[in-house]
Amino acid sequence: MNDVKKSTELPKTVAFRLGTVGAVVADRFAARIEPLDLKPKHAGLMTALSHGEAASQQELAGRLGVAPSLVVALADHLERLGAIERVRDPADRRRQVLTLTEPGYALLAACEQAARELDTELTAGLRPGERTALQRALGVLAAEAGLPTGE
């Protein structure tokens, strides 16, 4: 049996680095918004609704790439917090349309503040040009993955 240990280049790959750093950052963001009684997926749903157009639970599930049952569970929680309203579509009574309320916009602003504070901590060791390059690179990767780029 060969007891020689071989090193791996896996930690040098973009996929591995983004995945592991992303998991750490997601956990830290989740901890920041936990006092608001929110999880990152709640913030994602509110962000999707924040563009001003009401959307059905089915449409949101498609837009977010998640199961409709997850959208229902997230919406239930957000409705209890007063962050969203569900209204029956008058044209199709089977369809429920979700809209973000004023308290929902306030919660979303608190999530954004938490994310900005975390951004500052995460990028503290970067020079301004490196921060700009990181933002640009992440925007390209997001666009290529079909995700919102924030622009």
N, C-alpha and C. Protein backbone atom coordinates (compact mmCIF):
# COMPACT_ATOMS: atom_id res chain seq x y z
N MET A 1 0.85 -1.17 0.00
CA MET A 1 0.00 0.00 0.00
C MET A 1 0.90 1.24 0.00
N ASN A 2 0.54 2.21 -0.80
CA ASN A 2 1.33 3.43 -0.94
C ASN A 2 0.85 4.48 0.05
N ASP A 3 1.72 4.87 1.00
CA ASP A 3 1.35 5.84 2.02
C ASP A 3 1.75 7.27 1.65
N VAL A 4 2.19 7.47 0.41
CA VAL A 4 2.61 8.80 -0.01
C VAL A 4 1.37 9.68 -0.17
N LYS A 5 1.40 10.82 0.51
CA LYS A 5 0.27 11.75 0.41
C LYS A 5 0.54 12.70 -0.75
N LYS A 6 -0.48 12.90 -1.55
CA LYS A 6 -0.36 13.78 -2.70
C LYS A 6 -1.15 15.05 -2.42
N SER A 7 -0.54 16.16 -2.74
CA SER A 7 -1.26 17.42 -2.54
C SER A 7 -2.22 17.63 -3.70
N THR A 8 -3.16 18.49 -3.48
CA THR A 8 -4.16 18.79 -4.50
C THR A 8 -4.12 20.27 -4.85
N GLU A 9 -4.47 20.55 -6.05
CA GLU A 9 -4.55 21.94 -6.52
C GLU A 9 -5.99 22.47 -6.40
N LEU A 10 -6.86 21.66 -5.86
CA LEU A 10 -8.27 22.05 -5.74
C LEU A 10 -8.45 23.41 -5.07
N PRO A 11 -7.77 23.71 -3.96
CA PRO A 11 -7.97 25.01 -3.32
C PRO A 11 -7.58 26.21 -4.19
N LYS A 12 -6.85 25.98 -5.27
CA LYS A 12 -6.46 27.07 -6.15
C LYS A 12 -7.49 27.37 -7.23
N THR A 13 -8.50 26.51 -7.36
CA THR A 13 -9.50 26.72 -8.42
C THR A 13 -10.50 27.79 -8.03
N VAL A 14 -10.97 28.52 -9.02
CA VAL A 14 -11.99 29.55 -8.79
C VAL A 14 -13.25 28.92 -8.20
N ALA A 15 -13.66 27.78 -8.74
CA ALA A 15 -14.88 27.12 -8.27
C ALA A 15 -14.80 26.80 -6.78
N PHE A 16 -13.69 26.22 -6.36
CA PHE A 16 -13.54 25.85 -4.96
C PHE A 16 -13.46 27.09 -4.08
N ARG A 17 -12.69 28.08 -4.51
CA ARG A 17 -12.55 29.30 -3.70
C ARG A 17 -13.86 30.05 -3.58
N LEU A 18 -14.56 30.22 -4.70
CA LEU A 18 -15.86 30.92 -4.61
C LEU A 18 -16.83 30.14 -3.75
N GLY A 19 -16.83 28.83 -3.89
CA GLY A 19 -17.76 28.01 -3.10
C GLY A 19 -17.49 28.09 -1.62
N THR A 20 -16.23 27.97 -1.22
CA THR A 20 -15.92 27.98 0.20
C THR A 20 -16.03 29.38 0.79
N VAL A 21 -15.52 30.38 0.08
CA VAL A 21 -15.66 31.76 0.57
C VAL A 21 -17.14 32.14 0.60
N GLY A 22 -17.87 31.74 -0.42
CA GLY A 22 -19.31 32.04 -0.48
C GLY A 22 -20.07 31.44 0.70
N ALA A 23 -19.72 30.23 1.07
CA ALA A 23 -20.39 29.58 2.21
C ALA A 23 -20.10 30.34 3.51
N VAL A 24 -18.86 30.76 3.69
CA VAL A 24 -18.50 31.51 4.89
C VAL A 24 -19.23 32.85 4.93
N VAL A 25 -19.23 33.54 3.80
CA VAL A 25 -19.89 34.86 3.72
C VAL A 25 -21.39 34.71 3.92
N ALA A 26 -21.99 33.68 3.33
CA ALA A 26 -23.43 33.46 3.50
C ALA A 26 -23.77 33.23 4.97
N ASP A 27 -22.95 32.46 5.66
CA ASP A 27 -23.18 32.23 7.09
C ASP A 27 -23.07 33.54 7.89
N ARG A 28 -22.09 34.36 7.54
CA ARG A 28 -21.91 35.62 8.26
C ARG A 28 -23.07 36.58 7.96
N PHE A 29 -23.54 36.61 6.72
CA PHE A 29 -24.69 37.46 6.37
C PHE A 29 -25.93 36.96 7.11
N ALA A 30 -26.12 35.65 7.13
CA ALA A 30 -27.27 35.07 7.84
C ALA A 30 -27.26 35.47 9.32
N ALA A 31 -26.10 35.44 9.93
CA ALA A 31 -26.00 35.83 11.34
C ALA A 31 -26.35 37.30 11.54
N ARG A 32 -26.01 38.13 10.56
CA ARG A 32 -26.29 39.57 10.67
C ARG A 32 -27.78 39.88 10.56
N ILE A 33 -28.50 39.11 9.75
CA ILE A 33 -29.92 39.42 9.57
C ILE A 33 -30.83 38.56 10.45
N GLU A 34 -30.26 37.63 11.19
CA GLU A 34 -31.04 36.79 12.10
C GLU A 34 -31.81 37.62 13.12
N PRO A 35 -31.23 38.71 13.68
CA PRO A 35 -32.01 39.52 14.62
C PRO A 35 -33.26 40.16 13.99
N LEU A 36 -33.30 40.24 12.68
CA LEU A 36 -34.48 40.77 11.98
C LEU A 36 -35.53 39.67 11.76
N ASP A 37 -35.22 38.45 12.23
CA ASP A 37 -36.06 37.26 12.02
C ASP A 37 -36.12 36.89 10.54
N LEU A 38 -34.96 37.08 9.87
CA LEU A 38 -34.86 36.78 8.44
C LEU A 38 -33.70 35.84 8.18
N LYS A 39 -33.80 35.16 7.04
CA LYS A 39 -32.72 34.35 6.50
C LYS A 39 -32.39 34.91 5.12
N PRO A 40 -31.22 34.58 4.59
CA PRO A 40 -30.86 35.12 3.26
C PRO A 40 -31.91 34.88 2.17
N LYS A 41 -32.60 33.76 2.22
CA LYS A 41 -33.62 33.52 1.18
C LYS A 41 -34.80 34.47 1.31
N HIS A 42 -35.10 34.91 2.53
CA HIS A 42 -36.14 35.93 2.70
C HIS A 42 -35.68 37.23 2.04
N ALA A 43 -34.41 37.58 2.27
CA ALA A 43 -33.86 38.81 1.64
C ALA A 43 -33.89 38.68 0.13
N GLY A 44 -33.60 37.49 -0.39
CA GLY A 44 -33.64 37.27 -1.83
C GLY A 44 -35.04 37.45 -2.40
N LEU A 45 -36.04 36.94 -1.70
CA LEU A 45 -37.42 37.09 -2.16
C LEU A 45 -37.85 38.55 -2.13
N MET A 46 -37.51 39.24 -1.05
CA MET A 46 -37.87 40.66 -0.97
C MET A 46 -37.15 41.46 -2.05
N THR A 47 -35.90 41.10 -2.34
CA THR A 47 -35.16 41.78 -3.40
C THR A 47 -35.86 41.59 -4.73
N ALA A 48 -36.30 40.37 -5.00
CA ALA A 48 -37.02 40.10 -6.25
C ALA A 48 -38.29 40.93 -6.36
N LEU A 49 -38.95 41.17 -5.22
CA LEU A 49 -40.19 41.97 -5.22
C LEU A 49 -39.91 43.48 -5.22
N SER A 50 -38.71 43.87 -4.89
CA SER A 50 -38.41 45.29 -4.70
C SER A 50 -38.37 46.10 -5.98
N HIS A 51 -38.41 45.43 -7.10
CA HIS A 51 -38.35 46.15 -8.38
C HIS A 51 -39.69 46.75 -8.76
N GLY A 52 -40.66 46.67 -7.85
CA GLY A 52 -41.91 47.39 -8.03
C GLY A 52 -43.02 46.64 -8.71
N GLU A 53 -42.71 45.54 -9.36
CA GLU A 53 -43.79 44.81 -10.02
C GLU A 53 -44.24 43.65 -9.15
N ALA A 54 -45.53 43.54 -8.97
CA ALA A 54 -46.07 42.43 -8.20
C ALA A 54 -45.83 41.15 -8.99
N ALA A 55 -45.70 40.05 -8.28
CA ALA A 55 -45.44 38.78 -8.94
C ALA A 55 -46.18 37.67 -8.22
N SER A 56 -46.56 36.66 -8.99
CA SER A 56 -47.21 35.51 -8.37
C SER A 56 -46.14 34.63 -7.74
N GLN A 57 -46.59 33.77 -6.84
CA GLN A 57 -45.67 32.84 -6.19
C GLN A 57 -45.00 31.95 -7.23
N GLN A 58 -45.75 31.52 -8.25
CA GLN A 58 -45.19 30.68 -9.32
C GLN A 58 -44.12 31.43 -10.09
N GLU A 59 -44.41 32.69 -10.45
CA GLU A 59 -43.43 33.49 -11.20
C GLU A 59 -42.15 33.68 -10.40
N LEU A 60 -42.32 33.95 -9.11
CA LEU A 60 -41.15 34.14 -8.25
C LEU A 60 -40.32 32.87 -8.14
N ALA A 61 -40.98 31.73 -8.03
CA ALA A 61 -40.25 30.46 -7.96
C ALA A 61 -39.41 30.28 -9.22
N GLY A 62 -39.98 30.59 -10.37
CA GLY A 62 -39.24 30.49 -11.62
C GLY A 62 -38.09 31.46 -11.69
N ARG A 63 -38.33 32.70 -11.28
CA ARG A 63 -37.31 33.75 -11.32
C ARG A 63 -36.15 33.43 -10.37
N LEU A 64 -36.48 32.86 -9.20
CA LEU A 64 -35.46 32.55 -8.20
C LEU A 64 -34.84 31.17 -8.39
N GLY A 65 -35.45 30.36 -9.25
CA GLY A 65 -34.93 29.02 -9.49
C GLY A 65 -35.10 28.09 -8.29
N VAL A 66 -36.23 28.24 -7.60
CA VAL A 66 -36.50 27.39 -6.43
C VAL A 66 -37.88 26.76 -6.58
N ALA A 67 -38.17 25.80 -5.73
CA ALA A 67 -39.46 25.12 -5.75
C ALA A 67 -40.56 26.09 -5.30
N PRO A 68 -41.73 26.02 -5.94
CA PRO A 68 -42.84 26.88 -5.51
C PRO A 68 -43.17 26.72 -4.02
N SER A 69 -43.01 25.52 -3.48
CA SER A 69 -43.31 25.31 -2.05
C SER A 69 -42.37 26.13 -1.17
N LEU A 70 -41.12 26.36 -1.60
CA LEU A 70 -40.21 27.19 -0.83
C LEU A 70 -40.67 28.64 -0.84
N VAL A 71 -41.13 29.11 -1.99
CA VAL A 71 -41.64 30.49 -2.07
C VAL A 71 -42.83 30.65 -1.14
N VAL A 72 -43.71 29.66 -1.10
CA VAL A 72 -44.87 29.72 -0.22
C VAL A 72 -44.43 29.83 1.24
N ALA A 73 -43.46 29.01 1.64
CA ALA A 73 -42.98 29.03 3.03
C ALA A 73 -42.31 30.37 3.35
N LEU A 74 -41.49 30.87 2.44
CA LEU A 74 -40.84 32.17 2.66
C LEU A 74 -41.88 33.28 2.73
N ALA A 75 -42.85 33.24 1.83
CA ALA A 75 -43.90 34.26 1.80
C ALA A 75 -44.75 34.21 3.07
N ASP A 76 -45.04 33.02 3.56
CA ASP A 76 -45.80 32.89 4.81
C ASP A 76 -45.10 33.65 5.94
N HIS A 77 -43.80 33.43 6.05
CA HIS A 77 -43.03 34.08 7.11
C HIS A 77 -43.01 35.60 6.91
N LEU A 78 -42.74 36.03 5.68
CA LEU A 78 -42.68 37.47 5.40
C LEU A 78 -44.03 38.14 5.61
N GLU A 79 -45.10 37.42 5.32
CA GLU A 79 -46.44 37.97 5.54
C GLU A 79 -46.69 38.14 7.05
N ARG A 80 -46.26 37.17 7.85
CA ARG A 80 -46.41 37.29 9.31
C ARG A 80 -45.64 38.50 9.84
N LEU A 81 -44.51 38.83 9.22
CA LEU A 81 -43.72 40.00 9.62
C LEU A 81 -44.30 41.32 9.09
N GLY A 82 -45.31 41.21 8.21
CA GLY A 82 -45.88 42.40 7.60
C GLY A 82 -45.04 42.96 6.46
N ALA A 83 -44.09 42.17 5.96
CA ALA A 83 -43.17 42.62 4.92
C ALA A 83 -43.75 42.51 3.52
N ILE A 84 -44.70 41.60 3.34
CA ILE A 84 -45.35 41.44 2.03
C ILE A 84 -46.85 41.33 2.22
N GLU A 85 -47.55 41.55 1.13
CA GLU A 85 -49.00 41.31 1.07
C GLU A 85 -49.27 40.31 -0.02
N ARG A 86 -50.23 39.43 0.24
CA ARG A 86 -50.73 38.51 -0.78
C ARG A 86 -52.12 38.97 -1.16
N VAL A 87 -52.32 39.08 -2.45
CA VAL A 87 -53.63 39.50 -2.95
C VAL A 87 -54.04 38.53 -4.06
N ARG A 88 -55.29 38.11 -4.04
CA ARG A 88 -55.81 37.26 -5.12
C ARG A 88 -55.87 38.08 -6.40
N ASP A 89 -55.40 37.50 -7.48
CA ASP A 89 -55.47 38.15 -8.78
C ASP A 89 -56.92 38.15 -9.24
N PRO A 90 -57.51 39.33 -9.50
CA PRO A 90 -58.92 39.36 -9.91
C PRO A 90 -59.16 38.66 -11.25
N ALA A 91 -58.14 38.58 -12.07
CA ALA A 91 -58.29 37.91 -13.37
C ALA A 91 -58.17 36.40 -13.25
N ASP A 92 -57.53 35.91 -12.19
CA ASP A 92 -57.35 34.48 -11.98
C ASP A 92 -57.32 34.23 -10.47
N ARG A 93 -58.46 33.84 -9.92
CA ARG A 93 -58.60 33.69 -8.47
C ARG A 93 -57.66 32.64 -7.87
N ARG A 94 -57.12 31.75 -8.72
CA ARG A 94 -56.19 30.73 -8.21
C ARG A 94 -54.80 31.31 -7.98
N ARG A 95 -54.55 32.46 -8.53
CA ARG A 95 -53.22 33.08 -8.51
C ARG A 95 -53.13 34.11 -7.38
N GLN A 96 -52.11 33.98 -6.55
CA GLN A 96 -51.86 34.97 -5.50
C GLN A 96 -50.68 35.83 -5.93
N VAL A 97 -50.86 37.14 -5.84
CA VAL A 97 -49.82 38.08 -6.22
C VAL A 97 -49.19 38.64 -4.96
N LEU A 98 -47.87 38.70 -4.93
CA LEU A 98 -47.14 39.21 -3.78
C LEU A 98 -46.61 40.61 -4.08
N THR A 99 -46.71 41.49 -3.09
CA THR A 99 -46.11 42.82 -3.19
C THR A 99 -45.39 43.12 -1.90
N LEU A 100 -44.32 43.90 -2.01
CA LEU A 100 -43.56 44.32 -0.86
C LEU A 100 -44.25 45.52 -0.21
N THR A 101 -44.38 45.50 1.11
CA THR A 101 -45.03 46.59 1.84
C THR A 101 -43.96 47.59 2.31
N GLU A 102 -44.40 48.71 2.88
CA GLU A 102 -43.45 49.67 3.42
C GLU A 102 -42.57 49.04 4.51
N PRO A 103 -43.16 48.27 5.45
CA PRO A 103 -42.29 47.59 6.41
C PRO A 103 -41.32 46.62 5.73
N GLY A 104 -41.74 46.03 4.62
CA GLY A 104 -40.87 45.14 3.85
C GLY A 104 -39.69 45.89 3.27
N TYR A 105 -39.96 47.09 2.73
CA TYR A 105 -38.86 47.92 2.21
C TYR A 105 -37.89 48.30 3.33
N ALA A 106 -38.41 48.55 4.53
CA ALA A 106 -37.56 48.89 5.67
C ALA A 106 -36.69 47.68 6.06
N LEU A 107 -37.28 46.49 6.07
CA LEU A 107 -36.50 45.28 6.36
C LEU A 107 -35.43 45.06 5.30
N LEU A 108 -35.78 45.28 4.05
CA LEU A 108 -34.82 45.11 2.96
C LEU A 108 -33.68 46.12 3.09
N ALA A 109 -33.98 47.34 3.50
CA ALA A 109 -32.94 48.35 3.72
C ALA A 109 -32.01 47.91 4.85
N ALA A 110 -32.55 47.30 5.89
CA ALA A 110 -31.72 46.81 6.99
C ALA A 110 -30.82 45.66 6.51
N CYS A 111 -31.34 44.81 5.63
CA CYS A 111 -30.52 43.74 5.06
C CYS A 111 -29.39 44.32 4.22
N GLU A 112 -29.71 45.34 3.45
CA GLU A 112 -28.69 45.98 2.62
C GLU A 112 -27.61 46.61 3.49
N GLN A 113 -28.00 47.24 4.57
CA GLN A 113 -27.04 47.83 5.48
C GLN A 113 -26.13 46.76 6.08
N ALA A 114 -26.71 45.65 6.48
CA ALA A 114 -25.92 44.54 7.02
C ALA A 114 -24.93 44.03 5.97
N ALA A 115 -25.38 43.92 4.73
CA ALA A 115 -24.51 43.45 3.66
C ALA A 115 -23.38 44.45 3.38
N ARG A 116 -23.70 45.74 3.40
CA ARG A 116 -22.66 46.76 3.17
C ARG A 116 -21.61 46.74 4.28
N GLU A 117 -22.03 46.57 5.52
CA GLU A 117 -21.08 46.48 6.62
C GLU A 117 -20.19 45.25 6.47
N LEU A 118 -20.79 44.15 6.06
CA LEU A 118 -20.02 42.93 5.84
C LEU A 118 -19.06 43.12 4.66
N ASP A 119 -19.51 43.78 3.60
CA ASP A 119 -18.63 44.09 2.46
C ASP A 119 -17.39 44.84 2.93
N THR A 120 -17.60 45.83 3.78
CA THR A 120 -16.49 46.64 4.28
C THR A 120 -15.48 45.76 5.02
N GLU A 121 -15.98 44.87 5.85
CA GLU A 121 -15.09 43.96 6.59
C GLU A 121 -14.36 43.01 5.64
N LEU A 122 -15.11 42.44 4.70
CA LEU A 122 -14.54 41.45 3.79
C LEU A 122 -13.46 42.04 2.89
N THR A 123 -13.63 43.28 2.50
CA THR A 123 -12.70 43.88 1.54
C THR A 123 -11.70 44.82 2.20
N ALA A 124 -11.62 44.81 3.52
CA ALA A 124 -10.72 45.72 4.23
C ALA A 124 -9.27 45.55 3.81
N GLY A 125 -8.86 44.36 3.45
CA GLY A 125 -7.48 44.11 3.04
C GLY A 125 -7.19 44.39 1.58
N LEU A 126 -8.20 44.85 0.84
CA LEU A 126 -8.01 45.14 -0.58
C LEU A 126 -7.78 46.62 -0.82
N ARG A 127 -6.97 46.92 -1.82
CA ARG A 127 -6.80 48.31 -2.25
C ARG A 127 -8.04 48.71 -3.05
N PRO A 128 -8.32 50.01 -3.18
CA PRO A 128 -9.52 50.45 -3.92
C PRO A 128 -9.63 49.84 -5.32
N GLY A 129 -8.55 49.78 -6.05
CA GLY A 129 -8.58 49.19 -7.39
C GLY A 129 -8.92 47.71 -7.37
N GLU A 130 -8.46 47.02 -6.34
CA GLU A 130 -8.77 45.60 -6.19
C GLU A 130 -10.25 45.41 -5.87
N ARG A 131 -10.81 46.29 -5.04
CA ARG A 131 -12.25 46.22 -4.74
C ARG A 131 -13.07 46.40 -6.02
N THR A 132 -12.68 47.39 -6.81
CA THR A 132 -13.38 47.66 -8.08
C THR A 132 -13.27 46.46 -9.01
N ALA A 133 -12.08 45.89 -9.12
CA ALA A 133 -11.87 44.72 -9.98
C ALA A 133 -12.69 43.53 -9.50
N LEU A 134 -12.75 43.34 -8.18
CA LEU A 134 -13.55 42.24 -7.63
C LEU A 134 -15.02 42.43 -7.96
N GLN A 135 -15.53 43.64 -7.75
CA GLN A 135 -16.94 43.92 -8.08
C GLN A 135 -17.22 43.65 -9.55
N ARG A 136 -16.31 44.11 -10.41
CA ARG A 136 -16.49 43.92 -11.86
C ARG A 136 -16.49 42.43 -12.21
N ALA A 137 -15.52 41.70 -11.68
CA ALA A 137 -15.42 40.27 -11.97
C ALA A 137 -16.64 39.51 -11.47
N LEU A 138 -17.09 39.82 -10.27
CA LEU A 138 -18.30 39.16 -9.74
C LEU A 138 -19.52 39.50 -10.57
N GLY A 139 -19.60 40.73 -11.08
CA GLY A 139 -20.70 41.11 -11.96
C GLY A 139 -20.71 40.30 -13.25
N VAL A 140 -19.54 40.09 -13.83
CA VAL A 140 -19.44 39.28 -15.05
C VAL A 140 -19.87 37.84 -14.77
N LEU A 141 -19.36 37.27 -13.69
CA LEU A 141 -19.73 35.90 -13.34
C LEU A 141 -21.24 35.77 -13.07
N ALA A 142 -21.80 36.75 -12.39
CA ALA A 142 -23.24 36.73 -12.12
C ALA A 142 -24.03 36.80 -13.41
N ALA A 143 -23.65 37.70 -14.31
CA ALA A 143 -24.36 37.83 -15.59
C ALA A 143 -24.29 36.55 -16.40
N GLU A 144 -23.12 35.93 -16.43
CA GLU A 144 -22.96 34.70 -17.20
C GLU A 144 -23.76 33.55 -16.60
N ALA A 145 -24.03 33.63 -15.30
CA ALA A 145 -24.84 32.59 -14.63
C ALA A 145 -26.33 32.93 -14.70
N GLY A 146 -26.68 34.07 -15.32
CA GLY A 146 -28.08 34.47 -15.40
C GLY A 146 -28.61 35.08 -14.13
N LEU A 147 -27.72 35.57 -13.28
CA LEU A 147 -28.12 36.16 -12.00
C LEU A 147 -28.13 37.68 -12.11
N PRO A 148 -28.84 38.36 -11.21
CA PRO A 148 -28.80 39.82 -11.23
C PRO A 148 -27.38 40.32 -10.96
N THR A 149 -27.00 41.36 -11.67
CA THR A 149 -25.64 41.88 -11.53
C THR A 149 -25.59 43.09 -10.60
N GLY A 150 -26.72 43.64 -10.24
CA GLY A 150 -26.75 44.80 -9.37
C GLY A 150 -26.52 46.11 -10.09
N GLU A 151 -26.50 46.06 -11.39
CA GLU A 151 -26.29 47.28 -12.17
C GLU A 151 -27.58 47.80 -12.74
